[in-house]
Structure formats: structure tokens, C-alpha cells
Amino acid sequence: MMPLFEHDDPKEGRLTQTMVETLAEMERQRVSLMENLARLAERQKALQREMRAIEKRHRVIAKDLEEYTVPEDRELTHEDVNLWCRSAFYGMAHTMVGNPHCYFARKKVRRPAMYERVVRFIIDNGYTQRYGNSDYTVLDIEMNGTQWFCWPMTTNPVESQVLNLKPVTLKPGSRPWTESPKGSDVMVGGAGPRTAHAGEGG
């Protein structure tokens, strides 16, 4: 094979051609992945619209629901925490689609003092759950027949501004959707408890 130019090396030419073919294959893969991500983004938007519709209905019901409270002279029990969680409004963290979770906000509950007592009970009676490089104190709760777990981002109830909430199927290491051919038709697992909201770091 004669080189195109006197200084061309056939070996270098073959190497260049291989690199060009490799880059072309990489670009095809990149485009395919971007198209898949775009489809996933559309699916996420649709799921969020469904979630917002449920939140709207929840807000209407919660508006007329008396928020559970316990007299200051009585200690809280685990069942008290369950009852409070069922009665207090909680929202979805829509900006964190990669880590789906809900949260109670101190500024939105009707009885901030009760919120603080609930956080204190979780810190005092929960168990440690590892996520990433951090440990969190979580407590399993039951709300209207569904099992959840919740955790504050701080160990000081006075500082707590949000109380995070997830279904137990979303505990770290749990991935039940990989076992179901229906995917989103089942409750899914995924990322652990680490989240951050305004007023709290983590």
C-alpha cells in the first residue's frame, strides 16, 4: 500500500483509522444513551405530575384533619409517632428525583412543639442506618397500612427543620423493582436516607 504522501506511514494510517472507527462507535453509543436519558426524563416528569396530583388531594384532606398531639405531661410512644405522622401533612421532595423521598417541614406543621417531640423520640428510640459515609438515626413507622421509615438530618431536635420519610422498600440496598417485570407497578427501592433541605446540612 502506497502512502498518500511521502511522509505518511501506513502503520500510523491504520492506527488513525482504528481510532476514527472507535470514536464513531463511541459517538453512536453516546447518542443512544442520551436518547434513553431523554425518555427517562419524560417518564420522571409524568411520575411527578401523578405525585403532585396525589399531594393536592392529600392537602385537601389534611386541611380538615386534626393534627395529632399528646399532652406535654405524657411521654410519647411509638404509636403516638405513628398517629402524628398520619395526621401531619408531608410533601414530596420534587427537586431530588434521583433520591425520591418525602418530608415533614417544621414550618408547615400546625404544632411545631409536637414536631420537635416526634424528632426527639426518633433520635432517642431509633436505630442507626448507614448511607454513604454518614450514619443516621431512623425509625420505622406505619401510616395507613403502609410501612415507612423516617429520619432527621440532625441529632438536635431544636435545630431540626425537616423530618425525611421513605417507604421501607427504599431502604439502602433494597431494589425490589429489579425483581419485577412490571417495574414501576411495584413499590421500588433505591438510594438511602441522605437528603438535605433548607435549614439543615448533611
C-alpha atoms as a PDB file:
ATOM      1  CA  MET A   1       0.000   0.000   0.000  1.00  0.00           C
ATOM      2  CA  MET A   2       1.492   3.298  -1.105  1.00  0.00           C
ATOM      3  CA  PRO A   3       1.240   6.200   1.342  1.00  0.00           C
ATOM      4  CA  LEU A   4      -0.766   9.191   0.191  1.00  0.00           C
ATOM      5  CA  PHE A   5       2.124  11.452   0.944  1.00  0.00           C
ATOM      6  CA  GLU A   6       5.807  10.761   1.196  1.00  0.00           C
ATOM      7  CA  HIS A   7       5.828  11.346   4.955  1.00  0.00           C
ATOM      8  CA  ASP A   8       2.741   9.147   5.611  1.00  0.00           C
ATOM      9  CA  ASP A   9       3.347   5.912   7.476  1.00  0.00           C
ATOM     10  CA  PRO A  10       0.904   3.087   6.556  1.00  0.00           C
ATOM     11  CA  LYS A  11       1.036   1.815  10.151  1.00  0.00           C
ATOM     12  CA  GLU A  12       0.104   5.226  11.512  1.00  0.00           C
ATOM     13  CA  GLY A  13      -2.650   5.431   8.932  1.00  0.00           C
ATOM     14  CA  ARG A  14      -4.150   2.154  10.089  1.00  0.00           C
ATOM     15  CA  LEU A  15      -3.901   3.333  13.693  1.00  0.00           C
ATOM     16  CA  THR A  16      -5.642   6.586  12.813  1.00  0.00           C
ATOM     17  CA  GLN A  17      -8.401   4.702  11.007  1.00  0.00           C
ATOM     18  CA  THR A  18      -8.904   2.459  14.031  1.00  0.00           C
ATOM     19  CA  MET A  19      -9.191   5.492  16.308  1.00  0.00           C
ATOM     20  CA  VAL A  20     -11.685   7.124  13.944  1.00  0.00           C
ATOM     21  CA  GLU A  21     -13.819   3.960  13.899  1.00  0.00           C
ATOM     22  CA  THR A  22     -13.603   3.699  17.685  1.00  0.00           C
ATOM     23  CA  LEU A  23     -14.673   7.322  18.104  1.00  0.00           C
ATOM     24  CA  ALA A  24     -17.556   6.774  15.700  1.00  0.00           C
ATOM     25  CA  GLU A  25     -18.762   3.796  17.736  1.00  0.00           C
ATOM     26  CA  MET A  26     -18.414   5.779  20.967  1.00  0.00           C
ATOM     27  CA  GLU A  27     -20.492   8.609  19.499  1.00  0.00           C
ATOM     28  CA  ARG A  28     -23.225   6.172  18.446  1.00  0.00           C
ATOM     29  CA  GLN A  29     -23.277   4.807  21.996  1.00  0.00           C
ATOM     30  CA  ARG A  30     -23.315   8.336  23.421  1.00  0.00           C
ATOM     31  CA  VAL A  31     -26.282   9.316  21.271  1.00  0.00           C
ATOM     32  CA  SER A  32     -28.161   6.151  22.248  1.00  0.00           C
ATOM     33  CA  LEU A  33     -27.558   6.810  25.942  1.00  0.00           C
ATOM     34  CA  MET A  34     -28.666  10.429  25.615  1.00  0.00           C
ATOM     35  CA  GLU A  35     -31.865   9.303  23.893  1.00  0.00           C
ATOM     36  CA  ASN A  36     -32.504   6.832  26.720  1.00  0.00           C
ATOM     37  CA  LEU A  37     -31.907   9.572  29.304  1.00  0.00           C
ATOM     38  CA  ALA A  38     -34.354  11.830  27.469  1.00  0.00           C
ATOM     39  CA  ARG A  39     -37.005   9.088  27.548  1.00  0.00           C
ATOM     40  CA  LEU A  40     -36.304   8.559  31.248  1.00  0.00           C
ATOM     41  CA  ALA A  41     -36.651  12.299  31.893  1.00  0.00           C
ATOM     42  CA  GLU A  42     -40.059  12.296  30.232  1.00  0.00           C
ATOM     43  CA  ARG A  43     -41.103   9.336  32.383  1.00  0.00           C
ATOM     44  CA  GLN A  44     -39.882  11.158  35.509  1.00  0.00           C
ATOM     45  CA  LYS A  45     -41.939  14.213  34.574  1.00  0.00           C
ATOM     46  CA  ALA A  46     -45.032  12.061  34.140  1.00  0.00           C
ATOM     47  CA  LEU A  47     -44.499  10.380  37.514  1.00  0.00           C
ATOM     48  CA  GLN A  48     -44.019  13.744  39.207  1.00  0.00           C
ATOM     49  CA  ARG A  49     -47.270  15.014  37.718  1.00  0.00           C
ATOM     50  CA  GLU A  50     -49.021  11.990  39.191  1.00  0.00           C
ATOM     51  CA  MET A  51     -47.340  12.613  42.553  1.00  0.00           C
ATOM     52  CA  ARG A  52     -48.383  16.277  42.566  1.00  0.00           C
ATOM     53  CA  ALA A  53     -51.977  15.250  41.877  1.00  0.00           C
ATOM     54  CA  ILE A  54     -51.893  12.917  44.891  1.00  0.00           C
ATOM     55  CA  GLU A  55     -50.297  15.658  47.017  1.00  0.00           C
ATOM     56  CA  LYS A  56     -53.097  18.037  46.054  1.00  0.00           C
ATOM     57  CA  ARG A  57     -55.727  15.534  47.173  1.00  0.00           C
ATOM     58  CA  HIS A  58     -53.743  14.846  50.359  1.00  0.00           C
ATOM     59  CA  ARG A  59     -53.576  18.569  51.132  1.00  0.00           C
ATOM     60  CA  VAL A  60     -57.349  18.906  50.801  1.00  0.00           C
ATOM     61  CA  ILE A  61     -57.921  16.032  53.227  1.00  0.00           C
ATOM     62  CA  ALA A  62     -55.196  17.151  55.664  1.00  0.00           C
ATOM     63  CA  LYS A  63     -56.713  20.629  55.831  1.00  0.00           C
ATOM     64  CA  ASP A  64     -59.712  19.259  57.713  1.00  0.00           C
ATOM     65  CA  LEU A  65     -57.790  16.627  59.653  1.00  0.00           C
ATOM     66  CA  GLU A  66     -56.913  17.431  63.244  1.00  0.00           C
ATOM     67  CA  GLU A  67     -53.178  17.135  63.750  1.00  0.00           C
ATOM     68  CA  TYR A  68     -52.474  14.560  66.429  1.00  0.00           C
ATOM     69  CA  THR A  69     -50.933  15.790  69.663  1.00  0.00           C
ATOM     70  CA  VAL A  70     -50.006  14.432  73.068  1.00  0.00           C
ATOM     71  CA  PRO A  71     -50.249  16.401  76.339  1.00  0.00           C
ATOM     72  CA  GLU A  72     -46.899  17.752  77.486  1.00  0.00           C
ATOM     73  CA  ASP A  73     -47.127  15.838  80.767  1.00  0.00           C
ATOM     74  CA  ARG A  74     -47.244  12.468  78.983  1.00  0.00           C
ATOM     75  CA  GLU A  75     -44.334  10.750  77.296  1.00  0.00           C
ATOM     76  CA  LEU A  76     -44.646   9.836  73.634  1.00  0.00           C
ATOM     77  CA  THR A  77     -44.925   6.240  72.487  1.00  0.00           C
ATOM     78  CA  HIS A  78     -44.131   4.694  69.137  1.00  0.00           C
ATOM     79  CA  GLU A  79     -47.848   4.581  68.372  1.00  0.00           C
ATOM     80  CA  ASP A  80     -48.083   8.311  69.116  1.00  0.00           C
ATOM     81  CA  VAL A  81     -45.442   8.895  66.450  1.00  0.00           C
ATOM     82  CA  ASN A  82     -47.423   6.765  64.001  1.00  0.00           C
ATOM     83  CA  LEU A  83     -50.589   8.728  64.717  1.00  0.00           C
ATOM     84  CA  TRP A  84     -48.847  12.086  64.353  1.00  0.00           C
ATOM     85  CA  CYS A  85     -47.285  11.052  61.037  1.00  0.00           C
ATOM     86  CA  ARG A  86     -50.694  10.020  59.720  1.00  0.00           C
ATOM     87  CA  SER A  87     -52.236  13.367  60.637  1.00  0.00           C
ATOM     88  CA  ALA A  88     -49.487  15.830  59.652  1.00  0.00           C
ATOM     89  CA  PHE A  89     -49.099  16.921  56.030  1.00  0.00           C
ATOM     90  CA  TYR A  90     -45.918  15.898  54.237  1.00  0.00           C
ATOM     91  CA  GLY A  91     -44.708  16.768  50.757  1.00  0.00           C
ATOM     92  CA  MET A  92     -42.552  15.187  48.082  1.00  0.00           C
ATOM     93  CA  ALA A  93     -39.003  16.423  47.523  1.00  0.00           C
ATOM     94  CA  HIS A  94     -39.626  17.131  43.831  1.00  0.00           C
ATOM     95  CA  THR A  95     -36.182  18.606  43.181  1.00  0.00           C
ATOM     96  CA  MET A  96     -34.407  15.371  44.157  1.00  0.00           C
ATOM     97  CA  VAL A  97     -35.716  12.886  41.599  1.00  0.00           C
ATOM     98  CA  GLY A  98     -32.576  10.773  41.975  1.00  0.00           C
ATOM     99  CA  ASN A  99     -33.386  10.171  45.636  1.00  0.00           C
ATOM    100  CA  PRO A 100     -37.196  10.028  45.905  1.00  0.00           C
ATOM    101  CA  HIS A 101     -38.443  10.848  49.387  1.00  0.00           C
ATOM    102  CA  CYS A 102     -40.998  12.910  51.264  1.00  0.00           C
ATOM    103  CA  TYR A 103     -40.607  15.161  54.271  1.00  0.00           C
ATOM    104  CA  PHE A 104     -42.431  16.872  57.091  1.00  0.00           C
ATOM    105  CA  ALA A 105     -41.448  20.545  57.485  1.00  0.00           C
ATOM    106  CA  ARG A 106     -41.461  22.186  60.918  1.00  0.00           C
ATOM    107  CA  LYS A 107     -42.708  25.466  59.415  1.00  0.00           C
ATOM    108  CA  LYS A 108     -45.696  23.739  57.776  1.00  0.00           C
ATOM    109  CA  VAL A 109     -46.987  21.588  60.618  1.00  0.00           C
ATOM    110  CA  ARG A 110     -49.621  23.125  62.854  1.00  0.00           C
ATOM    111  CA  ARG A 111     -47.967  22.124  66.113  1.00  0.00           C
ATOM    112  CA  PRO A 112     -44.182  22.744  65.903  1.00  0.00           C
ATOM    113  CA  ALA A 113     -43.733  21.672  69.520  1.00  0.00           C
ATOM    114  CA  MET A 114     -45.207  18.266  68.691  1.00  0.00           C
ATOM    115  CA  TYR A 115     -42.951  18.046  65.656  1.00  0.00           C
ATOM    116  CA  GLU A 116     -39.952  18.590  67.900  1.00  0.00           C
ATOM    117  CA  ARG A 117     -41.122  15.927  70.344  1.00  0.00           C
ATOM    118  CA  VAL A 118     -41.501  13.439  67.486  1.00  0.00           C
ATOM    119  CA  VAL A 119     -37.965  14.174  66.272  1.00  0.00           C
ATOM    120  CA  ARG A 120     -36.649  13.727  69.805  1.00  0.00           C
ATOM    121  CA  PHE A 121     -38.429  10.365  70.108  1.00  0.00           C
ATOM    122  CA  ILE A 122     -36.854   9.184  66.848  1.00  0.00           C
ATOM    123  CA  ILE A 123     -33.375  10.239  67.970  1.00  0.00           C
ATOM    124  CA  ASP A 124     -33.811   8.558  71.367  1.00  0.00           C
ATOM    125  CA  ASN A 125     -35.511   5.357  70.167  1.00  0.00           C
ATOM    126  CA  GLY A 126     -34.488   4.829  66.548  1.00  0.00           C
ATOM    127  CA  TYR A 127     -31.673   2.715  65.147  1.00  0.00           C
ATOM    128  CA  THR A 128     -28.574   3.602  63.167  1.00  0.00           C
ATOM    129  CA  GLN A 129     -28.657   3.271  59.399  1.00  0.00           C
ATOM    130  CA  ARG A 130     -25.563   3.775  57.271  1.00  0.00           C
ATOM    131  CA  TYR A 131     -25.683   5.633  53.991  1.00  0.00           C
ATOM    132  CA  GLY A 132     -22.529   6.659  52.200  1.00  0.00           C
ATOM    133  CA  ASN A 133     -20.089   7.931  54.791  1.00  0.00           C
ATOM    134  CA  SER A 134     -22.729   9.040  57.285  1.00  0.00           C
ATOM    135  CA  ASP A 135     -24.877   7.422  59.946  1.00  0.00           C
ATOM    136  CA  TYR A 136     -28.496   8.433  60.504  1.00  0.00           C
ATOM    137  CA  THR A 137     -30.965   7.581  63.236  1.00  0.00           C
ATOM    138  CA  VAL A 138     -34.118   6.190  61.666  1.00  0.00           C
ATOM    139  CA  LEU A 139     -37.414   4.893  62.980  1.00  0.00           C
ATOM    140  CA  ASP A 140     -39.844   2.554  61.244  1.00  0.00           C
ATOM    141  CA  ILE A 141     -43.421   3.811  61.268  1.00  0.00           C
ATOM    142  CA  GLU A 142     -46.802   2.734  59.947  1.00  0.00           C
ATOM    143  CA  MET A 143     -49.098   5.098  58.084  1.00  0.00           C
ATOM    144  CA  ASN A 144     -52.494   3.973  56.845  1.00  0.00           C
ATOM    145  CA  GLY A 145     -51.408   0.410  56.274  1.00  0.00           C
ATOM    146  CA  THR A 146     -48.060   1.266  54.643  1.00  0.00           C
ATOM    147  CA  GLN A 147     -44.633   0.805  56.234  1.00  0.00           C
ATOM    148  CA  TRP A 148     -42.254   3.772  56.140  1.00  0.00           C
ATOM    149  CA  PHE A 149     -39.082   4.904  57.871  1.00  0.00           C
ATOM    150  CA  CYS A 150     -38.195   8.449  58.828  1.00  0.00           C
ATOM    151  CA  TRP A 151     -35.058  10.259  59.939  1.00  0.00           C
ATOM    152  CA  PRO A 152     -33.988  13.786  60.907  1.00  0.00           C
ATOM    153  CA  MET A 153     -30.831  15.333  59.472  1.00  0.00           C
ATOM    154  CA  THR A 154     -29.632  16.454  62.888  1.00  0.00           C
ATOM    155  CA  THR A 155     -29.183  14.980  66.343  1.00  0.00           C
ATOM    156  CA  ASN A 156     -30.588  18.106  67.980  1.00  0.00           C
ATOM    157  CA  PRO A 157     -34.424  18.263  67.886  1.00  0.00           C
ATOM    158  CA  VAL A 158     -34.352  22.027  68.442  1.00  0.00           C
ATOM    159  CA  GLU A 159     -32.374  22.506  65.218  1.00  0.00           C
ATOM    160  CA  SER A 160     -34.456  20.147  63.096  1.00  0.00           C
ATOM    161  CA  GLN A 161     -36.382  21.784  60.264  1.00  0.00           C
ATOM    162  CA  VAL A 162     -37.370  18.705  58.240  1.00  0.00           C
ATOM    163  CA  LEU A 163     -38.147  15.088  59.012  1.00  0.00           C
ATOM    164  CA  ASN A 164     -37.470  12.904  55.988  1.00  0.00           C
ATOM    165  CA  LEU A 165     -39.684   9.991  55.064  1.00  0.00           C
ATOM    166  CA  LYS A 166     -39.451   6.976  52.726  1.00  0.00           C
ATOM    167  CA  PRO A 167     -41.229   3.658  52.218  1.00  0.00           C
ATOM    168  CA  VAL A 168     -39.294   0.792  53.791  1.00  0.00           C
ATOM    169  CA  THR A 169     -38.822  -0.634  50.286  1.00  0.00           C
ATOM    170  CA  LEU A 170     -36.465   2.278  49.622  1.00  0.00           C
ATOM    171  CA  LYS A 171     -34.007   1.407  52.365  1.00  0.00           C
ATOM    172  CA  PRO A 172     -30.339   1.256  51.306  1.00  0.00           C
ATOM    173  CA  GLY A 173     -29.614  -1.939  49.383  1.00  0.00           C
ATOM    174  CA  SER A 174     -33.272  -2.680  48.658  1.00  0.00           C
ATOM    175  CA  ARG A 175     -34.017  -2.898  44.931  1.00  0.00           C
ATOM    176  CA  PRO A 176     -37.299  -4.841  44.562  1.00  0.00           C
ATOM    177  CA  TRP A 177     -38.083  -3.317  41.166  1.00  0.00           C
ATOM    178  CA  THR A 178     -35.242  -5.364  39.657  1.00  0.00           C
ATOM    179  CA  GLU A 179     -37.195  -8.490  40.568  1.00  0.00           C
ATOM    180  CA  SER A 180     -40.434  -7.400  38.904  1.00  0.00           C
ATOM    181  CA  PRO A 181     -41.086  -7.332  35.150  1.00  0.00           C
ATOM    182  CA  LYS A 182     -43.626  -4.573  35.759  1.00  0.00           C
ATOM    183  CA  GLY A 183     -41.060  -2.123  37.107  1.00  0.00           C
ATOM    184  CA  SER A 184     -42.940   0.902  38.401  1.00  0.00           C
ATOM    185  CA  ASP A 185     -46.054  -1.166  39.131  1.00  0.00           C
ATOM    186  CA  VAL A 186     -44.427  -2.163  42.427  1.00  0.00           C
ATOM    187  CA  MET A 187     -43.023  -0.104  45.256  1.00  0.00           C
ATOM    188  CA  VAL A 188     -39.395   0.409  44.418  1.00  0.00           C
ATOM    189  CA  GLY A 189     -36.191   0.613  46.380  1.00  0.00           C
ATOM    190  CA  GLY A 190     -33.153   2.771  45.867  1.00  0.00           C
ATOM    191  CA  ALA A 191     -30.980   5.396  47.429  1.00  0.00           C
ATOM    192  CA  GLY A 192     -30.586   5.682  51.147  1.00  0.00           C
ATOM    193  CA  PRO A 193     -31.628   8.393  53.524  1.00  0.00           C
ATOM    194  CA  ARG A 194     -29.162  11.154  52.766  1.00  0.00           C
ATOM    195  CA  THR A 195     -31.026  14.328  51.795  1.00  0.00           C
ATOM    196  CA  ALA A 196     -30.625  17.982  52.605  1.00  0.00           C
ATOM    197  CA  HIS A 197     -33.226  20.707  52.821  1.00  0.00           C
ATOM    198  CA  ALA A 198     -33.161  24.367  53.637  1.00  0.00           C
ATOM    199  CA  GLY A 199     -32.003  24.966  57.164  1.00  0.00           C
ATOM    200  CA  GLU A 200     -30.135  21.707  57.588  1.00  0.00           C
ATOM    201  CA  GLY A 201     -26.902  20.368  56.229  1.00  0.00           C
ATOM    202  CA  GLY A 202     -25.797  16.843  55.782  1.00  0.00           C
END
